[in-house]
PDB file of N, CA and C in Angstrom:
ATOM      1  N   MET A   1     -72.824   3.639-121.534  1.00  0.00           N
ATOM      2  CA  MET A   1     -71.765   4.600-121.474  1.00  0.00           C
ATOM      3  C   MET A   1     -70.556   4.177-121.164  1.00  0.00           C
ATOM      4  N   GLY A   2     -69.457   4.612-121.316  1.00  0.00           N
ATOM      5  CA  GLY A   2     -68.372   3.849-121.174  1.00  0.00           C
ATOM      6  C   GLY A   2     -67.423   3.418-122.318  1.00  0.00           C
ATOM      7  N   ASN A   3     -66.381   2.926-122.205  1.00  0.00           N
ATOM      8  CA  ASN A   3     -65.820   2.508-123.320  1.00  0.00           C
ATOM      9  C   ASN A   3     -66.077   0.852-123.605  1.00  0.00           C
ATOM     10  N   GLN A   4     -66.438   1.010-124.849  1.00  0.00           N
ATOM     11  CA  GLN A   4     -66.767  -0.154-125.907  1.00  0.00           C
ATOM     12  C   GLN A   4     -65.328  -1.344-125.777  1.00  0.00           C
ATOM     13  N   PRO A   5     -65.084  -2.790-125.392  1.00  0.00           N
ATOM     14  CA  PRO A   5     -64.427  -3.550-125.622  1.00  0.00           C
ATOM     15  C   PRO A   5     -64.267  -3.373-127.148  1.00  0.00           C
ATOM     16  N   VAL A   6     -62.577  -3.336-127.661  1.00  0.00           N
ATOM     17  CA  VAL A   6     -62.646  -3.608-128.791  1.00  0.00           C
ATOM     18  C   VAL A   6     -62.440  -4.859-128.951  1.00  0.00           C
ATOM     19  N   LYS A   7     -62.990  -5.343-130.231  1.00  0.00           N
ATOM     20  CA  LYS A   7     -62.983  -6.712-131.015  1.00  0.00           C
ATOM     21  C   LYS A   7     -61.911  -7.149-131.361  1.00  0.00           C
ATOM     22  N   GLN A   8     -61.418  -8.171-130.963  1.00  0.00           N
ATOM     23  CA  GLN A   8     -59.872  -8.541-131.455  1.00  0.00           C
ATOM     24  C   GLN A   8     -60.264  -9.492-132.814  1.00  0.00           C
ATOM     25  N   GLN A   9     -59.144  -8.875-133.726  1.00  0.00           N
ATOM     26  CA  GLN A   9     -59.326  -9.526-135.233  1.00  0.00           C
ATOM     27  C   GLN A   9     -58.149 -10.772-135.016  1.00  0.00           C
ATOM     28  N   GLU A  10     -58.729 -11.530-135.412  1.00  0.00           N
ATOM     29  CA  GLU A  10     -57.563 -12.803-135.429  1.00  0.00           C
ATOM     30  C   GLU A  10     -56.997 -12.778-136.780  1.00  0.00           C
ATOM     31  N   ARG A  11     -55.528 -12.623-136.743  1.00  0.00           N
ATOM     32  CA  ARG A  11     -54.526 -12.589-137.845  1.00  0.00           C
ATOM     33  C   ARG A  11     -53.965 -13.773-137.586  1.00  0.00           C
ATOM     34  N   GLU A  12     -53.942 -14.684-138.795  1.00  0.00           N
ATOM     35  CA  GLU A  12     -52.942 -15.570-138.915  1.00  0.00           C
ATOM     36  C   GLU A  12     -51.384 -15.236-139.410  1.00  0.00           C
ATOM     37  N   GLU A  13     -50.667 -15.580-138.204  1.00  0.00           N
ATOM     38  CA  GLU A  13     -49.172 -14.874-138.888  1.00  0.00           C
ATOM     39  C   GLU A  13     -48.342 -16.013-138.643  1.00  0.00           C
ATOM     40  N   ILE A  14     -47.422 -16.688-139.349  1.00  0.00           N
ATOM     41  CA  ILE A  14     -46.355 -17.686-139.374  1.00  0.00           C
ATOM     42  C   ILE A  14     -45.059 -17.186-139.305  1.00  0.00           C
ATOM     43  N   LEU A  15     -44.314 -16.956-138.065  1.00  0.00           N
ATOM     44  CA  LEU A  15     -43.205 -16.652-137.614  1.00  0.00           C
ATOM     45  C   LEU A  15     -41.814 -17.764-138.104  1.00  0.00           C
ATOM     46  N   LEU A  16     -41.151 -17.053-138.967  1.00  0.00           N
ATOM     47  CA  LEU A  16     -39.971 -17.981-139.197  1.00  0.00           C
ATOM     48  C   LEU A  16     -38.837 -17.519-138.861  1.00  0.00           C
ATOM     49  N   LYS A  17     -37.784 -18.128-138.298  1.00  0.00           N
ATOM     50  CA  LYS A  17     -36.540 -17.877-137.855  1.00  0.00           C
ATOM     51  C   LYS A  17     -35.534 -18.316-138.974  1.00  0.00           C
ATOM     52  N   VAL A  18     -34.821 -17.353-139.748  1.00  0.00           N
ATOM     53  CA  VAL A  18     -34.178 -17.328-140.833  1.00  0.00           C
ATOM     54  C   VAL A  18     -32.461 -17.336-140.279  1.00  0.00           C
ATOM     55  N   VAL A  19     -31.930 -18.661-140.472  1.00  0.00           N
ATOM     56  CA  VAL A  19     -30.298 -18.419-139.948  1.00  0.00           C
ATOM     57  C   VAL A  19     -29.543 -18.397-141.260  1.00  0.00           C
ATOM     58  N   PRO A  20     -28.674 -17.664-141.508  1.00  0.00           N
ATOM     59  CA  PRO A  20     -27.923 -17.637-142.665  1.00  0.00           C
ATOM     60  C   PRO A  20     -26.720 -18.769-142.662  1.00  0.00           C
ATOM     61  N   PRO A  21     -26.423 -19.527-143.376  1.00  0.00           N
ATOM     62  CA  PRO A  21     -25.401 -20.585-143.594  1.00  0.00           C
ATOM     63  C   PRO A  21     -24.087 -20.002-143.122  1.00  0.00           C
ATOM     64  N   LEU A  22     -23.583 -21.239-142.040  1.00  0.00           N
ATOM     65  CA  LEU A  22     -22.242 -20.819-141.422  1.00  0.00           C
ATOM     66  C   LEU A  22     -21.477 -21.601-142.041  1.00  0.00           C
ATOM     67  N   ASP A  23     -20.258 -20.982-142.243  1.00  0.00           N
ATOM     68  CA  ASP A  23     -19.031 -21.791-142.705  1.00  0.00           C
ATOM     69  C   ASP A  23     -18.432 -22.750-141.445  1.00  0.00           C
ATOM     70  N   ARG A  24     -18.417 -24.229-141.873  1.00  0.00           N
ATOM     71  CA  ARG A  24     -17.732 -25.177-141.151  1.00  0.00           C
ATOM     72  C   ARG A  24     -16.701 -24.886-140.497  1.00  0.00           C
ATOM     73  N   ALA A  25     -15.887 -24.211-141.022  1.00  0.00           N
ATOM     74  CA  ALA A  25     -14.469 -23.797-140.342  1.00  0.00           C
ATOM     75  C   ALA A  25     -14.676 -23.155-139.394  1.00  0.00           C
ATOM     76  N   TYR A  26     -15.508 -21.938-139.418  1.00  0.00           N
ATOM     77  CA  TYR A  26     -15.241 -21.037-138.399  1.00  0.00           C
ATOM     78  C   TYR A  26     -16.190 -21.902-137.255  1.00  0.00           C
ATOM     79  N   VAL A  27     -17.412 -22.513-137.670  1.00  0.00           N
ATOM     80  CA  VAL A  27     -18.252 -23.138-136.593  1.00  0.00           C
ATOM     81  C   VAL A  27     -17.137 -23.927-135.585  1.00  0.00           C
ATOM     82  N   ARG A  28     -16.166 -24.941-136.272  1.00  0.00           N
ATOM     83  CA  ARG A  28     -15.262 -25.645-135.638  1.00  0.00           C
ATOM     84  C   ARG A  28     -13.991 -24.800-134.740  1.00  0.00           C
ATOM     85  N   TRP A  29     -13.771 -23.692-135.560  1.00  0.00           N
ATOM     86  CA  TRP A  29     -12.702 -22.648-134.560  1.00  0.00           C
ATOM     87  C   TRP A  29     -13.511 -22.088-133.574  1.00  0.00           C
ATOM     88  N   LEU A  30     -14.591 -22.033-133.786  1.00  0.00           N
ATOM     89  CA  LEU A  30     -15.489 -21.248-132.529  1.00  0.00           C
ATOM     90  C   LEU A  30     -15.526 -22.383-131.377  1.00  0.00           C
ATOM     91  N   ALA A  31     -15.930 -23.504-131.650  1.00  0.00           N
ATOM     92  CA  ALA A  31     -16.586 -24.572-130.830  1.00  0.00           C
ATOM     93  C   ALA A  31     -15.040 -24.793-129.902  1.00  0.00           C
ATOM     94  N   ARG A  32     -13.632 -25.016-130.585  1.00  0.00           N
ATOM     95  CA  ARG A  32     -12.798 -25.238-129.909  1.00  0.00           C
ATOM     96  C   ARG A  32     -12.098 -24.139-129.242  1.00  0.00           C
ATOM     97  N   ASP A  33     -12.525 -23.038-129.674  1.00  0.00           N
ATOM     98  CA  ASP A  33     -11.980 -21.703-129.055  1.00  0.00           C
ATOM     99  C   ASP A  33     -13.001 -21.592-127.378  1.00  0.00           C
ATOM    100  N   VAL A  34     -14.187 -21.505-127.694  1.00  0.00           N
ATOM    101  CA  VAL A  34     -14.998 -21.821-126.399  1.00  0.00           C
ATOM    102  C   VAL A  34     -14.686 -23.157-125.493  1.00  0.00           C
ATOM    103  N   ALA A  35     -14.460 -23.887-126.005  1.00  0.00           N
ATOM    104  CA  ALA A  35     -14.152 -25.254-124.970  1.00  0.00           C
ATOM    105  C   ALA A  35     -12.998 -24.663-124.539  1.00  0.00           C
ATOM    106  N   ARG A  36     -11.908 -24.093-125.057  1.00  0.00           N
ATOM    107  CA  ARG A  36     -10.301 -23.905-124.296  1.00  0.00           C
ATOM    108  C   ARG A  36     -10.523 -23.002-123.139  1.00  0.00           C
ATOM    109  N   ILE A  37     -11.494 -21.902-123.657  1.00  0.00           N
ATOM    110  CA  ILE A  37     -11.805 -20.836-122.827  1.00  0.00           C
ATOM    111  C   ILE A  37     -12.545 -21.240-121.232  1.00  0.00           C
ATOM    112  N   HIS A  38     -13.466 -21.983-121.490  1.00  0.00           N
ATOM    113  CA  HIS A  38     -14.380 -22.519-120.471  1.00  0.00           C
ATOM    114  C   HIS A  38     -13.818 -23.731-119.717  1.00  0.00           C
ATOM    115  N   GLY A  39     -12.694 -24.404-120.352  1.00  0.00           N
ATOM    116  CA  GLY A  39     -12.089 -25.524-119.774  1.00  0.00           C
ATOM    117  C   GLY A  39     -10.805 -25.234-118.975  1.00  0.00           C
ATOM    118  N   PHE A  40     -10.655 -23.808-119.118  1.00  0.00           N
ATOM    119  CA  PHE A  40      -9.045 -23.089-118.290  1.00  0.00           C
ATOM    120  C   PHE A  40      -9.121 -23.370-116.987  1.00  0.00           C
ATOM    121  N   THR A  41      -7.788 -24.104-116.365  1.00  0.00           N
ATOM    122  CA  THR A  41      -7.830 -23.870-114.757  1.00  0.00           C
ATOM    123  C   THR A  41      -6.317 -23.661-114.418  1.00  0.00           C
ATOM    124  N   PRO A  42      -6.341 -22.498-113.967  1.00  0.00           N
ATOM    125  CA  PRO A  42      -4.956 -22.504-113.636  1.00  0.00           C
ATOM    126  C   PRO A  42      -3.806 -23.394-112.967  1.00  0.00           C
ATOM    127  N   ARG A  43      -2.992 -23.681-113.216  1.00  0.00           N
ATOM    128  CA  ARG A  43      -1.993 -24.749-112.593  1.00  0.00           C
ATOM    129  C   ARG A  43      -1.819 -24.622-110.914  1.00  0.00           C
ATOM    130  N   ASN A  44      -1.389 -23.481-110.410  1.00  0.00           N
ATOM    131  CA  ASN A  44      -1.077 -23.362-109.060  1.00  0.00           C
ATOM    132  C   ASN A  44      -1.980 -22.150-108.553  1.00  0.00           C
ATOM    133  N   PRO A  45      -3.054 -22.181-108.159  1.00  0.00           N
ATOM    134  CA  PRO A  45      -3.734 -21.193-107.827  1.00  0.00           C
ATOM    135  C   PRO A  45      -3.565 -20.719-106.579  1.00  0.00           C
ATOM    136  N   ARG A  46      -3.334 -19.391-106.465  1.00  0.00           N
ATOM    137  CA  ARG A  46      -2.919 -18.974-105.084  1.00  0.00           C
ATOM    138  C   ARG A  46      -4.093 -18.700-104.269  1.00  0.00           C
ATOM    139  N   ALA A  47      -3.817 -18.909-102.846  1.00  0.00           N
ATOM    140  CA  ALA A  47      -5.186 -18.721-101.930  1.00  0.00           C
ATOM    141  C   ALA A  47      -5.140 -17.255-101.668  1.00  0.00           C
ATOM    142  N   VAL A  48      -6.463 -16.913-101.907  1.00  0.00           N
ATOM    143  CA  VAL A  48      -7.365 -15.332-101.830  1.00  0.00           C
ATOM    144  C   VAL A  48      -7.540 -15.402-100.385  1.00  0.00           C
ATOM    145  N   LYS A  49      -7.145 -14.375 -99.604  1.00  0.00           N
ATOM    146  CA  LYS A  49      -7.205 -13.783 -98.315  1.00  0.00           C
ATOM    147  C   LYS A  49      -8.607 -12.708 -98.273  1.00  0.00           C
ATOM    148  N   PRO A  50      -9.598 -13.026 -97.867  1.00  0.00           N
ATOM    149  CA  PRO A  50     -10.777 -12.064 -98.133  1.00  0.00           C
ATOM    150  C   PRO A  50     -10.706 -10.920 -97.381  1.00  0.00           C
ATOM    151  N   PRO A  51     -10.994  -9.465 -97.648  1.00  0.00           N
ATOM    152  CA  PRO A  51     -10.728  -8.337 -96.806  1.00  0.00           C
ATOM    153  C   PRO A  51     -11.394  -8.826 -95.470  1.00  0.00           C
ATOM    154  N   GLU A  52     -11.089  -7.946 -94.678  1.00  0.00           N
ATOM    155  CA  GLU A  52     -10.891  -8.034 -93.327  1.00  0.00           C
ATOM    156  C   GLU A  52     -12.816  -7.851 -92.997  1.00  0.00           C
ATOM    157  N   HIS A  53     -13.409  -7.093 -93.510  1.00  0.00           N
ATOM    158  CA  HIS A  53     -14.684  -6.927 -93.125  1.00  0.00           C
ATOM    159  C   HIS A  53     -15.552  -7.984 -93.495  1.00  0.00           C
ATOM    160  N   TYR A  54     -15.051  -8.819 -94.216  1.00  0.00           N
ATOM    161  CA  TYR A  54     -15.647 -10.026 -94.619  1.00  0.00           C
ATOM    162  C   TYR A  54     -15.397 -11.147 -93.426  1.00  0.00           C
ATOM    163  N   ILE A  55     -14.217 -10.981 -93.268  1.00  0.00           N
ATOM    164  CA  ILE A  55     -13.973 -12.287 -92.150  1.00  0.00           C
ATOM    165  C   ILE A  55     -14.558 -11.694 -90.905  1.00  0.00           C
ATOM    166  N   GLU A  56     -14.684 -10.366 -90.618  1.00  0.00           N
ATOM    167  CA  GLU A  56     -15.467 -10.096 -89.555  1.00  0.00           C
ATOM    168  C   GLU A  56     -16.810 -10.437 -89.459  1.00  0.00           C
ATOM    169  N   TYR A  57     -17.378 -10.146 -90.591  1.00  0.00           N
ATOM    170  CA  TYR A  57     -19.003 -10.754 -90.977  1.00  0.00           C
ATOM    171  C   TYR A  57     -19.301 -11.975 -90.648  1.00  0.00           C
ATOM    172  N   MET A  58     -18.209 -12.851 -91.241  1.00  0.00           N
ATOM    173  CA  MET A  58     -18.209 -14.504 -91.174  1.00  0.00           C
ATOM    174  C   MET A  58     -18.107 -14.543 -89.665  1.00  0.00           C
ATOM    175  N   ARG A  59     -17.252 -14.069 -88.888  1.00  0.00           N
ATOM    176  CA  ARG A  59     -17.386 -14.383 -87.623  1.00  0.00           C
ATOM    177  C   ARG A  59     -18.229 -14.172 -86.556  1.00  0.00           C
ATOM    178  N   LEU A  60     -18.935 -13.032 -87.210  1.00  0.00           N
ATOM    179  CA  LEU A  60     -20.008 -12.477 -86.305  1.00  0.00           C
ATOM    180  C   LEU A  60     -21.387 -13.690 -86.506  1.00  0.00           C
ATOM    181  N   ASN A  61     -21.295 -14.082 -87.552  1.00  0.00           N
ATOM    182  CA  ASN A  61     -22.555 -14.897 -87.799  1.00  0.00           C
ATOM    183  C   ASN A  61     -22.112 -16.491 -87.744  1.00  0.00           C
ATOM    184  N   GLY A  62     -20.923 -16.717 -87.338  1.00  0.00           N
ATOM    185  CA  GLY A  62     -20.460 -18.015 -86.875  1.00  0.00           C
ATOM    186  C   GLY A  62     -20.261 -19.226 -87.908  1.00  0.00           C
ATOM    187  N   TRP A  63     -19.778 -18.235 -89.043  1.00  0.00           N
ATOM    188  CA  TRP A  63     -19.327 -19.370 -90.397  1.00  0.00           C
ATOM    189  C   TRP A  63     -18.026 -19.748 -90.118  1.00  0.00           C
ATOM    190  N   LEU A  64     -17.178 -19.208 -89.237  1.00  0.00           N
ATOM    191  CA  LEU A  64     -15.659 -19.350 -89.381  1.00  0.00           C
ATOM    192  C   LEU A  64     -15.637 -20.173 -88.181  1.00  0.00           C
ATOM    193  N   ASP A  65     -16.534 -21.032 -87.428  1.00  0.00           N
ATOM    194  CA  ASP A  65     -16.308 -21.948 -86.625  1.00  0.00           C
ATOM    195  C   ASP A  65     -16.682 -23.010 -87.217  1.00  0.00           C
ATOM    196  N   VAL A  66     -15.568 -23.901 -87.777  1.00  0.00           N
ATOM    197  CA  VAL A  66     -15.417 -25.144 -88.694  1.00  0.00           C
ATOM    198  C   VAL A  66     -14.794 -26.016 -87.803  1.00  0.00           C
ATOM    199  N   ASN A  67     -15.069 -27.280 -87.442  1.00  0.00           N
ATOM    200  CA  ASN A  67     -14.391 -28.214 -87.009  1.00  0.00           C
ATOM    201  C   ASN A  67     -13.952 -28.966 -88.140  1.00  0.00           C
ATOM    202  N   LEU A  68     -12.519 -29.270 -88.241  1.00  0.00           N
ATOM    203  CA  LEU A  68     -12.099 -29.816 -89.500  1.00  0.00           C
ATOM    204  C   LEU A  68     -11.788 -31.049 -89.265  1.00  0.00           C
ATOM    205  N   ASP A  69     -12.121 -31.787 -88.105  1.00  0.00           N
ATOM    206  CA  ASP A  69     -12.349 -33.204 -87.782  1.00  0.00           C
ATOM    207  C   ASP A  69     -13.873 -33.720 -87.926  1.00  0.00           C
ATOM    208  N   ASP A  70     -14.539 -32.769 -88.689  1.00  0.00           N
ATOM    209  CA  ASP A  70     -15.973 -33.546 -88.861  1.00  0.00           C
ATOM    210  C   ASP A  70     -15.978 -34.455 -90.145  1.00  0.00           C
ATOM    211  N   PRO A  71     -16.789 -35.470 -89.772  1.00  0.00           N
ATOM    212  CA  PRO A  71     -16.661 -36.466 -90.827  1.00  0.00           C
ATOM    213  C   PRO A  71     -17.201 -35.963 -92.128  1.00  0.00           C
ATOM    214  N   ASP A  72     -18.356 -35.000 -91.857  1.00  0.00           N
ATOM    215  CA  ASP A  72     -19.016 -34.468 -93.054  1.00  0.00           C
ATOM    216  C   ASP A  72     -18.062 -33.488 -94.125  1.00  0.00           C
ATOM    217  N   LEU A  73     -17.063 -32.992 -93.466  1.00  0.00           N
ATOM    218  CA  LEU A  73     -16.226 -32.451 -94.609  1.00  0.00           C
ATOM    219  C   LEU A  73     -14.997 -33.461 -94.492  1.00  0.00           C
ATOM    220  N   ALA A  74     -14.909 -34.470 -94.360  1.00  0.00           N
ATOM    221  CA  ALA A  74     -13.487 -35.263 -94.328  1.00  0.00           C
ATOM    222  C   ALA A  74     -13.167 -35.420 -95.855  1.00  0.00           C
ATOM    223  N   HIS A  75     -13.859 -35.291 -96.863  1.00  0.00           N
ATOM    224  CA  HIS A  75     -13.935 -35.564 -98.270  1.00  0.00           C
ATOM    225  C   HIS A  75     -13.230 -34.347 -98.883  1.00  0.00           C
ATOM    226  N   LEU A  76     -13.538 -33.488 -98.111  1.00  0.00           N
ATOM    227  CA  LEU A  76     -12.959 -31.980 -98.529  1.00  0.00           C
ATOM    228  C   LEU A  76     -11.548 -31.939 -98.612  1.00  0.00           C
ATOM    229  N   PHE A  77     -10.903 -32.553 -97.537  1.00  0.00           N
ATOM    230  CA  PHE A  77      -9.382 -32.751 -97.086  1.00  0.00           C
ATOM    231  C   PHE A  77      -8.722 -33.268 -97.649  1.00  0.00           C
ATOM    232  N   LYS A  78      -9.315 -34.413 -98.645  1.00  0.00           N
ATOM    233  CA  LYS A  78      -8.629 -35.476 -98.910  1.00  0.00           C
ATOM    234  C   LYS A  78      -7.308 -35.010-100.074  1.00  0.00           C
TER     235      LYS A  78
END
């Protein structure tokens, strides 16, 4: 009684991934464009002040109590 397990049939399948040929000029242009976008850094980034509720949350958790004379942080202020 009850359900009988189904016998697994072995199927031999070979999966191939076919890539269409790409134009070399397009690939070069795409690589240069991606490098330009990901390598972009603004020259004079402005400091951004977080919203007040973020500041209050950080103050409550003690994250704003930073000693700027700490030798572990000295490399950040060079």
